[in-house]
Amino acid sequence: MAAKDIKETLAEISPEALLADGFDEALVGIARQFTNTLALYSYDKCVEILMRRDGMSHEGAIEFMEYNVVGAWVGQNTPAFTVT
């Protein structure tokens, strides 16, 4: 499923779900957590995006992900990230 299709489906079933800005290429699906329906991103693809787009090292991209993306709790509609 393409990111555009995932976003459209998510908007229909959970319009309050939040998206991670700048990571559309890493949007891989929709996750369920208890009564919440969330956007699901590939952690590894997000790291790759940061390295390619922002010129970060692998270690720098992981540090950025942990602190600024995964660690950015903004409520029950915060996106989820795969761990591989």
C-alpha atoms as a PDB file:
ATOM      1  CA  MET A   1       0.000   0.000   0.000  1.00  0.00           C
ATOM      2  CA  ALA A   2       1.410   3.408  -0.982  1.00  0.00           C
ATOM      3  CA  ALA A   3       1.812   6.191   1.591  1.00  0.00           C
ATOM      4  CA  LYS A   4      -0.955   8.181  -0.122  1.00  0.00           C
ATOM      5  CA  ASP A   5      -3.377   5.260   0.277  1.00  0.00           C
ATOM      6  CA  ILE A   6      -2.351   4.694   3.894  1.00  0.00           C
ATOM      7  CA  LYS A   7      -2.910   8.381   4.680  1.00  0.00           C
ATOM      8  CA  GLU A   8      -6.337   8.347   3.032  1.00  0.00           C
ATOM      9  CA  THR A   9      -7.394   5.205   4.898  1.00  0.00           C
ATOM     10  CA  LEU A  10      -6.061   6.549   8.177  1.00  0.00           C
ATOM     11  CA  ALA A  11      -7.935   9.836   7.659  1.00  0.00           C
ATOM     12  CA  GLU A  12     -11.158   7.884   7.205  1.00  0.00           C
ATOM     13  CA  ILE A  13     -10.846   5.553  10.182  1.00  0.00           C
ATOM     14  CA  SER A  14      -8.837   7.701  12.586  1.00  0.00           C
ATOM     15  CA  PRO A  15      -8.715  11.372  11.582  1.00  0.00           C
ATOM     16  CA  GLU A  16      -7.064  12.274  14.890  1.00  0.00           C
ATOM     17  CA  ALA A  17      -4.031  10.055  14.161  1.00  0.00           C
ATOM     18  CA  LEU A  18      -0.841  12.095  13.855  1.00  0.00           C
ATOM     19  CA  LEU A  19       1.749  11.781  11.078  1.00  0.00           C
ATOM     20  CA  ALA A  20       5.525  12.178  11.272  1.00  0.00           C
ATOM     21  CA  ASP A  21       6.460  15.165   9.106  1.00  0.00           C
ATOM     22  CA  GLY A  22       8.969  14.451   6.361  1.00  0.00           C
ATOM     23  CA  PHE A  23       8.767  10.670   6.576  1.00  0.00           C
ATOM     24  CA  ASP A  24       6.105   9.756   3.998  1.00  0.00           C
ATOM     25  CA  GLU A  25       8.512   7.298   2.324  1.00  0.00           C
ATOM     26  CA  ALA A  26       8.731   5.413   5.629  1.00  0.00           C
ATOM     27  CA  LEU A  27       4.954   5.180   6.201  1.00  0.00           C
ATOM     28  CA  VAL A  28       4.301   1.434   5.964  1.00  0.00           C
ATOM     29  CA  GLY A  29       0.864   0.867   7.431  1.00  0.00           C
ATOM     30  CA  ILE A  30      -1.656   1.368  10.182  1.00  0.00           C
ATOM     31  CA  ALA A  31      -1.241   0.053  13.723  1.00  0.00           C
ATOM     32  CA  ARG A  32      -3.774  -0.676  16.446  1.00  0.00           C
ATOM     33  CA  GLN A  33      -3.024  -0.065  20.110  1.00  0.00           C
ATOM     34  CA  PHE A  34      -5.906  -0.797  22.455  1.00  0.00           C
ATOM     35  CA  THR A  35      -8.588   1.594  21.152  1.00  0.00           C
ATOM     36  CA  ASN A  36      -6.184   3.750  19.131  1.00  0.00           C
ATOM     37  CA  THR A  37      -5.500   3.519  15.421  1.00  0.00           C
ATOM     38  CA  LEU A  38      -2.093   4.954  14.558  1.00  0.00           C
ATOM     39  CA  ALA A  39       0.186   5.664  11.630  1.00  0.00           C
ATOM     40  CA  LEU A  40       2.953   3.037  11.428  1.00  0.00           C
ATOM     41  CA  TYR A  41       6.422   3.942  10.179  1.00  0.00           C
ATOM     42  CA  SER A  42       9.507   1.874   9.477  1.00  0.00           C
ATOM     43  CA  TYR A  43      12.192   2.978  11.922  1.00  0.00           C
ATOM     44  CA  ASP A  44      14.943   1.805   9.570  1.00  0.00           C
ATOM     45  CA  LYS A  45      13.477   3.708   6.619  1.00  0.00           C
ATOM     46  CA  CYS A  46      13.260   6.847   8.761  1.00  0.00           C
ATOM     47  CA  VAL A  47      16.956   6.483   9.595  1.00  0.00           C
ATOM     48  CA  GLU A  48      17.747   6.076   5.896  1.00  0.00           C
ATOM     49  CA  ILE A  49      15.751   9.223   5.080  1.00  0.00           C
ATOM     50  CA  LEU A  50      17.660  11.247   7.674  1.00  0.00           C
ATOM     51  CA  MET A  51      20.979  10.008   6.322  1.00  0.00           C
ATOM     52  CA  ARG A  52      20.093  10.698   2.682  1.00  0.00           C
ATOM     53  CA  ARG A  53      18.034  13.871   3.040  1.00  0.00           C
ATOM     54  CA  ASP A  54      19.860  15.557   5.915  1.00  0.00           C
ATOM     55  CA  GLY A  55      23.361  14.143   5.440  1.00  0.00           C
ATOM     56  CA  MET A  56      23.463  12.588   8.903  1.00  0.00           C
ATOM     57  CA  SER A  57      25.752   9.736   9.831  1.00  0.00           C
ATOM     58  CA  HIS A  58      24.079   6.461  10.787  1.00  0.00           C
ATOM     59  CA  GLU A  59      24.784   7.115  14.454  1.00  0.00           C
ATOM     60  CA  GLY A  60      23.558  10.701  14.182  1.00  0.00           C
ATOM     61  CA  ALA A  61      20.352   9.606  12.483  1.00  0.00           C
ATOM     62  CA  ILE A  62      19.664   7.032  15.203  1.00  0.00           C
ATOM     63  CA  GLU A  63      20.314   9.604  17.921  1.00  0.00           C
ATOM     64  CA  PHE A  64      17.977  12.067  16.176  1.00  0.00           C
ATOM     65  CA  MET A  65      15.291   9.391  15.792  1.00  0.00           C
ATOM     66  CA  GLU A  66      15.461   8.370  19.433  1.00  0.00           C
ATOM     67  CA  TYR A  67      15.333  11.873  20.855  1.00  0.00           C
ATOM     68  CA  ASN A  68      13.276  13.881  18.346  1.00  0.00           C
ATOM     69  CA  VAL A  69      10.989  11.366  16.658  1.00  0.00           C
ATOM     70  CA  VAL A  70      10.410   8.205  18.704  1.00  0.00           C
ATOM     71  CA  GLY A  71      10.892  10.145  21.924  1.00  0.00           C
ATOM     72  CA  ALA A  72       8.441  12.858  20.920  1.00  0.00           C
ATOM     73  CA  TRP A  73       5.306  11.720  22.758  1.00  0.00           C
ATOM     74  CA  VAL A  74       2.465  14.022  21.754  1.00  0.00           C
ATOM     75  CA  GLY A  75      -0.425  12.040  23.161  1.00  0.00           C
ATOM     76  CA  GLN A  76      -2.324   8.884  22.402  1.00  0.00           C
ATOM     77  CA  ASN A  77      -2.318   9.577  18.646  1.00  0.00           C
ATOM     78  CA  THR A  78       1.496   9.628  18.383  1.00  0.00           C
ATOM     79  CA  PRO A  79       2.694   7.470  15.458  1.00  0.00           C
ATOM     80  CA  ALA A  80       4.225   4.048  16.051  1.00  0.00           C
ATOM     81  CA  PHE A  81       7.554   2.801  14.650  1.00  0.00           C
ATOM     82  CA  THR A  82       8.550  -0.704  13.673  1.00  0.00           C
ATOM     83  CA  VAL A  83      11.562  -2.223  15.371  1.00  0.00           C
ATOM     84  CA  THR A  84      13.588  -4.542  13.164  1.00  0.00           C
END
